[in-house]
C-alpha cells in the first residue's frame, strides 16, 4: 500500500490525501486491511488477504465478491457507490477489480488492485 503522508485536512476537519487518487487509496485500505488489524475498528477491512491460501472454487469467488462489496459499501458509502467487484486468485497473486462511482461526480471508475506476486 502506498498511502500519502502527511495527512491533509479540509476546512471541515475531514482528512484528505494529496492528489486525485484519494478514493483509490480508501478502497485500497478497505481491501487490504484484515479484520482485527485496527485497534479501534476491529471489524474494519475485508479479509481479502486470506484468499491466496484458500483453494479456488466458483463458490469461493462468489462469496468473496459479496464480502468485498459489502465491506466497501459499509466503510465507504459516504464517498462512493460500488457498482461491481471481480476477484481472481492465481498462485500467490490476488487481483481485485472494483468498479465504483464517486458520489460527487457519479462517473464510473474501474480500478484494479493487486497483492502478492509482482505487485
N, C-alpha and C. Protein backbone atom coordinates (compact mmCIF):
# COMPACT_ATOMS: atom_id res chain seq x y z
N UNK A 1 0.83 -1.17 0.00
CA UNK A 1 0.00 0.00 0.00
C UNK A 1 0.88 1.24 0.00
N UNK A 2 0.43 2.25 -0.67
CA UNK A 2 1.17 3.50 -0.73
C UNK A 2 0.21 4.64 -0.42
N UNK A 3 0.00 4.91 0.85
CA UNK A 3 -0.89 5.97 1.28
C UNK A 3 -0.07 7.24 1.46
N UNK A 4 -0.61 8.33 0.96
CA UNK A 4 0.13 9.59 1.05
C UNK A 4 0.20 10.11 2.48
N UNK A 5 1.35 10.55 2.87
CA UNK A 5 1.56 11.20 4.15
C UNK A 5 2.39 12.45 3.89
N UNK A 6 2.27 13.52 4.59
CA UNK A 6 1.40 13.67 5.74
C UNK A 6 -0.06 13.79 5.33
N UNK A 7 -0.93 13.44 6.24
CA UNK A 7 -2.37 13.54 6.01
C UNK A 7 -2.75 15.01 6.00
N UNK A 8 -3.61 15.37 5.07
CA UNK A 8 -4.09 16.75 4.97
C UNK A 8 -5.53 16.81 5.46
N UNK A 9 -5.96 17.99 5.90
CA UNK A 9 -7.32 18.17 6.40
C UNK A 9 -8.00 19.28 5.63
N UNK A 10 -9.31 19.11 5.34
CA UNK A 10 -10.05 20.18 4.69
C UNK A 10 -10.62 21.11 5.75
N UNK A 11 -11.42 22.10 5.34
CA UNK A 11 -11.95 23.10 6.26
C UNK A 11 -12.87 22.51 7.32
N UNK A 12 -13.51 21.38 7.01
CA UNK A 12 -14.42 20.77 7.98
C UNK A 12 -13.72 19.78 8.91
N UNK A 13 -12.40 19.59 8.72
CA UNK A 13 -11.64 18.69 9.57
C UNK A 13 -11.55 17.27 9.06
N UNK A 14 -12.12 17.01 7.87
CA UNK A 14 -12.02 15.67 7.28
C UNK A 14 -10.65 15.50 6.65
N UNK A 15 -10.17 14.27 6.68
CA UNK A 15 -8.84 14.02 6.12
C UNK A 15 -8.89 13.97 4.60
N UNK A 16 -7.82 14.46 4.00
CA UNK A 16 -7.64 14.44 2.56
C UNK A 16 -6.27 13.87 2.25
N UNK A 17 -6.12 13.33 1.09
CA UNK A 17 -4.83 12.84 0.63
C UNK A 17 -4.38 13.75 -0.50
N UNK A 18 -3.08 13.90 -0.65
CA UNK A 18 -2.57 14.71 -1.75
C UNK A 18 -2.86 14.00 -3.05
N UNK A 19 -3.31 14.74 -4.06
CA UNK A 19 -3.55 14.14 -5.38
C UNK A 19 -4.99 13.74 -5.59
N UNK A 20 -5.24 13.21 -6.79
CA UNK A 20 -6.60 12.86 -7.19
C UNK A 20 -6.97 11.42 -6.87
N UNK A 21 -6.08 10.65 -6.29
CA UNK A 21 -6.35 9.24 -6.07
C UNK A 21 -6.80 8.93 -4.64
N UNK A 22 -7.45 9.88 -4.01
CA UNK A 22 -7.91 9.70 -2.64
C UNK A 22 -8.86 8.50 -2.50
N UNK A 23 -9.86 8.42 -3.39
CA UNK A 23 -10.81 7.30 -3.31
C UNK A 23 -10.13 5.97 -3.58
N UNK A 24 -9.20 5.97 -4.52
CA UNK A 24 -8.43 4.76 -4.81
C UNK A 24 -7.74 4.27 -3.54
N UNK A 25 -7.14 5.19 -2.80
CA UNK A 25 -6.43 4.83 -1.57
C UNK A 25 -7.39 4.35 -0.48
N UNK A 26 -8.58 4.94 -0.41
CA UNK A 26 -9.56 4.48 0.57
C UNK A 26 -10.00 3.05 0.25
N UNK A 27 -10.28 2.77 -1.02
CA UNK A 27 -10.67 1.43 -1.42
C UNK A 27 -9.54 0.45 -1.11
N UNK A 28 -8.31 0.85 -1.41
CA UNK A 28 -7.14 0.01 -1.14
C UNK A 28 -7.02 -0.31 0.35
N UNK A 29 -7.28 0.68 1.19
CA UNK A 29 -7.21 0.45 2.64
C UNK A 29 -8.24 -0.58 3.08
N UNK A 30 -9.47 -0.47 2.59
CA UNK A 30 -10.51 -1.43 2.97
C UNK A 30 -10.16 -2.82 2.47
N UNK A 31 -9.69 -2.92 1.22
CA UNK A 31 -9.40 -4.23 0.64
C UNK A 31 -8.27 -4.95 1.35
N UNK A 32 -7.21 -4.24 1.67
CA UNK A 32 -6.00 -4.89 2.17
C UNK A 32 -5.76 -4.73 3.66
N UNK A 33 -6.82 -4.38 4.40
CA UNK A 33 -6.77 -4.40 5.85
C UNK A 33 -7.58 -5.60 6.31
N UNK A 34 -6.99 -6.41 7.16
CA UNK A 34 -7.69 -7.59 7.67
C UNK A 34 -8.49 -7.21 8.90
N UNK A 35 -9.71 -7.76 9.05
CA UNK A 35 -10.47 -7.50 10.27
C UNK A 35 -9.64 -7.88 11.50
N UNK A 36 -9.66 -7.02 12.50
CA UNK A 36 -8.88 -7.23 13.70
C UNK A 36 -7.55 -6.50 13.68
N UNK A 37 -7.17 -5.95 12.54
CA UNK A 37 -5.89 -5.26 12.39
C UNK A 37 -5.92 -3.85 12.99
N UNK A 38 -7.07 -3.21 12.98
CA UNK A 38 -7.20 -1.86 13.53
C UNK A 38 -7.74 -1.95 14.95
N UNK A 39 -7.07 -1.28 15.86
CA UNK A 39 -7.41 -1.38 17.28
C UNK A 39 -8.81 -0.85 17.57
N UNK A 40 -9.13 0.35 17.12
CA UNK A 40 -10.42 0.96 17.45
C UNK A 40 -11.53 0.59 16.48
N UNK A 41 -11.19 -0.09 15.39
CA UNK A 41 -12.19 -0.55 14.42
C UNK A 41 -11.92 -2.03 14.12
N UNK A 42 -12.23 -2.92 15.04
CA UNK A 42 -11.84 -4.32 14.86
C UNK A 42 -12.51 -5.01 13.69
N UNK A 43 -13.64 -4.50 13.19
CA UNK A 43 -14.29 -5.15 12.04
C UNK A 43 -13.98 -4.43 10.73
N UNK A 44 -13.09 -3.44 10.74
CA UNK A 44 -12.69 -2.73 9.52
C UNK A 44 -11.90 -3.66 8.61
N UNK A 45 -12.15 -3.61 7.34
CA UNK A 45 -11.41 -4.41 6.37
C UNK A 45 -12.30 -5.41 5.67
N UNK A 46 -11.67 -6.23 4.82
CA UNK A 46 -12.45 -7.16 4.01
C UNK A 46 -12.04 -8.62 4.17
N UNK A 47 -10.90 -8.91 4.76
CA UNK A 47 -10.43 -10.28 4.87
C UNK A 47 -9.89 -10.84 3.56
N UNK A 48 -9.67 -9.98 2.61
CA UNK A 48 -9.24 -10.38 1.28
C UNK A 48 -7.86 -11.02 1.25
N UNK A 49 -6.98 -10.63 2.14
CA UNK A 49 -5.62 -11.15 2.12
C UNK A 49 -5.53 -12.63 2.51
N UNK A 50 -6.59 -13.20 3.03
CA UNK A 50 -6.60 -14.62 3.36
C UNK A 50 -6.89 -15.49 2.14
N UNK A 51 -7.36 -14.89 1.05
CA UNK A 51 -7.76 -15.65 -0.13
C UNK A 51 -6.67 -16.46 -0.81
N UNK A 52 -5.45 -15.96 -0.97
CA UNK A 52 -4.45 -16.76 -1.69
C UNK A 52 -4.16 -18.10 -1.04
N UNK A 53 -4.58 -18.29 0.20
CA UNK A 53 -4.29 -19.52 0.92
C UNK A 53 -5.47 -20.48 0.93
N UNK A 54 -6.53 -20.14 0.21
CA UNK A 54 -7.73 -20.97 0.16
C UNK A 54 -7.88 -21.51 -1.26
N UNK A 55 -8.20 -22.78 -1.42
CA UNK A 55 -8.38 -23.33 -2.77
C UNK A 55 -9.47 -22.59 -3.53
N UNK A 56 -9.23 -22.33 -4.81
CA UNK A 56 -10.20 -21.63 -5.64
C UNK A 56 -11.40 -22.52 -5.95
N UNK A 57 -12.56 -21.88 -6.04
CA UNK A 57 -13.78 -22.56 -6.46
C UNK A 57 -14.78 -21.49 -6.85
N UNK A 58 -15.78 -21.84 -7.66
CA UNK A 58 -16.80 -20.85 -8.02
C UNK A 58 -17.54 -20.31 -6.80
N UNK A 59 -17.75 -21.18 -5.80
CA UNK A 59 -18.44 -20.74 -4.59
C UNK A 59 -17.60 -19.73 -3.81
N UNK A 60 -16.29 -19.97 -3.75
CA UNK A 60 -15.41 -19.05 -3.06
C UNK A 60 -15.38 -17.70 -3.78
N UNK A 61 -15.33 -17.72 -5.10
CA UNK A 61 -15.32 -16.47 -5.87
C UNK A 61 -16.58 -15.66 -5.61
N UNK A 62 -17.73 -16.33 -5.60
CA UNK A 62 -18.99 -15.63 -5.35
C UNK A 62 -19.05 -15.06 -3.94
N UNK A 63 -18.62 -15.85 -2.96
CA UNK A 63 -18.62 -15.39 -1.57
C UNK A 63 -17.67 -14.22 -1.39
N UNK A 64 -16.52 -14.29 -2.03
CA UNK A 64 -15.53 -13.22 -1.93
C UNK A 64 -16.07 -11.92 -2.51
N UNK A 65 -16.69 -12.01 -3.66
CA UNK A 65 -17.25 -10.82 -4.27
C UNK A 65 -18.28 -10.16 -3.35
N UNK A 66 -19.14 -10.96 -2.75
CA UNK A 66 -20.14 -10.41 -1.84
C UNK A 66 -19.50 -9.80 -0.60
N UNK A 67 -18.50 -10.47 -0.05
CA UNK A 67 -17.82 -9.98 1.15
C UNK A 67 -17.12 -8.66 0.89
N UNK A 68 -16.38 -8.60 -0.22
CA UNK A 68 -15.64 -7.38 -0.56
C UNK A 68 -16.60 -6.24 -0.85
N UNK A 69 -17.64 -6.51 -1.63
CA UNK A 69 -18.61 -5.46 -1.95
C UNK A 69 -19.29 -4.95 -0.69
N UNK A 70 -19.63 -5.87 0.22
CA UNK A 70 -20.24 -5.47 1.48
C UNK A 70 -19.32 -4.60 2.33
N UNK A 71 -18.03 -4.96 2.39
CA UNK A 71 -17.07 -4.17 3.18
C UNK A 71 -16.91 -2.77 2.57
N UNK A 72 -16.83 -2.70 1.25
CA UNK A 72 -16.69 -1.39 0.60
C UNK A 72 -17.93 -0.53 0.84
N UNK A 73 -19.11 -1.13 0.73
CA UNK A 73 -20.33 -0.38 0.97
C UNK A 73 -20.45 0.06 2.42
N UNK A 74 -20.04 -0.80 3.33
CA UNK A 74 -20.12 -0.46 4.76
C UNK A 74 -19.22 0.72 5.10
N UNK A 75 -17.97 0.68 4.65
CA UNK A 75 -16.99 1.66 5.08
C UNK A 75 -16.89 2.88 4.18
N UNK A 76 -17.30 2.78 2.93
CA UNK A 76 -17.10 3.90 2.01
C UNK A 76 -18.39 4.43 1.39
N UNK A 77 -19.54 4.07 1.93
CA UNK A 77 -20.81 4.50 1.34
C UNK A 77 -20.99 6.02 1.34
N UNK A 78 -20.27 6.73 2.17
CA UNK A 78 -20.33 8.19 2.18
C UNK A 78 -19.47 8.83 1.11
N UNK A 79 -18.69 8.03 0.40
CA UNK A 79 -17.77 8.54 -0.61
C UNK A 79 -18.07 8.04 -2.02
N UNK A 80 -18.54 6.78 -2.11
CA UNK A 80 -18.71 6.19 -3.44
C UNK A 80 -19.81 5.15 -3.46
N UNK A 81 -20.26 4.83 -4.68
CA UNK A 81 -21.23 3.76 -4.90
C UNK A 81 -20.50 2.62 -5.58
N UNK A 82 -20.54 1.44 -4.99
CA UNK A 82 -19.89 0.27 -5.57
C UNK A 82 -20.81 -0.30 -6.65
N UNK A 83 -20.27 -0.43 -7.86
CA UNK A 83 -21.05 -0.95 -8.98
C UNK A 83 -20.78 -2.44 -9.18
N UNK A 84 -19.51 -2.84 -9.12
CA UNK A 84 -19.16 -4.25 -9.32
C UNK A 84 -17.81 -4.55 -8.68
N UNK A 85 -17.63 -5.82 -8.29
CA UNK A 85 -16.36 -6.30 -7.75
C UNK A 85 -16.06 -7.63 -8.43
N UNK A 86 -14.83 -7.78 -8.92
CA UNK A 86 -14.40 -9.04 -9.53
C UNK A 86 -13.07 -9.44 -8.92
N UNK A 87 -12.95 -10.67 -8.45
CA UNK A 87 -11.71 -11.13 -7.84
C UNK A 87 -11.15 -12.33 -8.60
N UNK A 88 -9.83 -12.37 -8.71
CA UNK A 88 -9.14 -13.53 -9.27
C UNK A 88 -7.92 -13.82 -8.42
N UNK A 89 -7.68 -15.11 -8.18
CA UNK A 89 -6.54 -15.53 -7.40
C UNK A 89 -5.80 -16.61 -8.19
N UNK A 90 -4.56 -16.30 -8.57
CA UNK A 90 -3.73 -17.24 -9.32
C UNK A 90 -2.42 -17.38 -8.57
N UNK A 91 -2.15 -18.59 -8.08
CA UNK A 91 -0.97 -18.87 -7.27
C UNK A 91 -0.88 -17.87 -6.13
N UNK A 92 0.18 -17.08 -6.05
CA UNK A 92 0.36 -16.15 -4.93
C UNK A 92 -0.12 -14.74 -5.25
N UNK A 93 -0.77 -14.53 -6.39
CA UNK A 93 -1.21 -13.20 -6.78
C UNK A 93 -2.73 -13.10 -6.69
N UNK A 94 -3.18 -12.07 -6.00
CA UNK A 94 -4.60 -11.79 -5.85
C UNK A 94 -4.90 -10.48 -6.57
N UNK A 95 -5.85 -10.50 -7.51
CA UNK A 95 -6.27 -9.29 -8.21
C UNK A 95 -7.74 -9.04 -7.94
N UNK A 96 -8.05 -7.79 -7.65
CA UNK A 96 -9.42 -7.38 -7.41
C UNK A 96 -9.69 -6.17 -8.31
N UNK A 97 -10.74 -6.28 -9.11
CA UNK A 97 -11.15 -5.16 -9.95
C UNK A 97 -12.45 -4.62 -9.37
N UNK A 98 -12.43 -3.33 -9.04
CA UNK A 98 -13.59 -2.68 -8.44
C UNK A 98 -14.07 -1.60 -9.39
N UNK A 99 -15.36 -1.62 -9.69
CA UNK A 99 -15.98 -0.55 -10.46
C UNK A 99 -16.83 0.25 -9.48
N UNK A 100 -16.54 1.54 -9.39
CA UNK A 100 -17.26 2.39 -8.45
C UNK A 100 -17.48 3.76 -9.06
N UNK A 101 -18.43 4.50 -8.50
CA UNK A 101 -18.71 5.86 -8.93
C UNK A 101 -18.64 6.78 -7.72
N UNK A 102 -17.75 7.78 -7.75
CA UNK A 102 -17.72 8.75 -6.65
C UNK A 102 -19.07 9.44 -6.53
N UNK A 103 -19.53 9.67 -5.30
CA UNK A 103 -20.83 10.29 -5.11
C UNK A 103 -20.89 11.71 -5.64
N UNK A 104 -19.76 12.42 -5.61
CA UNK A 104 -19.78 13.81 -6.05
C UNK A 104 -19.87 13.96 -7.58
N UNK A 105 -19.35 13.01 -8.33
CA UNK A 105 -19.39 13.12 -9.80
C UNK A 105 -20.31 12.09 -10.44
N UNK A 106 -20.42 10.91 -9.87
CA UNK A 106 -21.22 9.85 -10.45
C UNK A 106 -20.61 9.19 -11.67
N UNK A 107 -19.36 9.54 -11.98
CA UNK A 107 -18.68 8.99 -13.15
C UNK A 107 -18.01 7.67 -12.75
N UNK A 108 -18.42 6.56 -13.39
CA UNK A 108 -17.85 5.26 -13.02
C UNK A 108 -16.34 5.19 -13.28
N UNK A 109 -15.64 4.55 -12.37
CA UNK A 109 -14.21 4.32 -12.49
C UNK A 109 -13.94 2.85 -12.26
N UNK A 110 -13.00 2.29 -13.01
CA UNK A 110 -12.62 0.89 -12.86
C UNK A 110 -11.16 0.87 -12.41
N UNK A 111 -10.92 0.28 -11.25
CA UNK A 111 -9.55 0.20 -10.70
C UNK A 111 -9.24 -1.24 -10.35
N UNK A 112 -8.00 -1.63 -10.64
CA UNK A 112 -7.53 -2.97 -10.31
C UNK A 112 -6.49 -2.88 -9.21
N UNK A 113 -6.67 -3.72 -8.20
CA UNK A 113 -5.75 -3.78 -7.07
C UNK A 113 -5.11 -5.15 -7.08
N UNK A 114 -3.82 -5.19 -6.77
CA UNK A 114 -3.09 -6.45 -6.80
C UNK A 114 -2.27 -6.61 -5.53
N UNK A 115 -2.24 -7.83 -5.03
CA UNK A 115 -1.43 -8.16 -3.85
C UNK A 115 -0.68 -9.45 -4.13
N UNK A 116 0.58 -9.45 -3.78
CA UNK A 116 1.40 -10.64 -3.99
C UNK A 116 1.98 -10.67 -5.39
N UNK A 117 2.72 -11.71 -5.68
CA UNK A 117 3.35 -11.82 -7.00
C UNK A 117 4.27 -10.66 -7.28
N UNK A 118 4.08 -10.02 -8.41
CA UNK A 118 4.89 -8.86 -8.80
C UNK A 118 4.12 -7.58 -8.62
N UNK A 119 3.50 -7.37 -7.46
CA UNK A 119 2.70 -6.18 -7.24
C UNK A 119 3.55 -4.95 -7.03
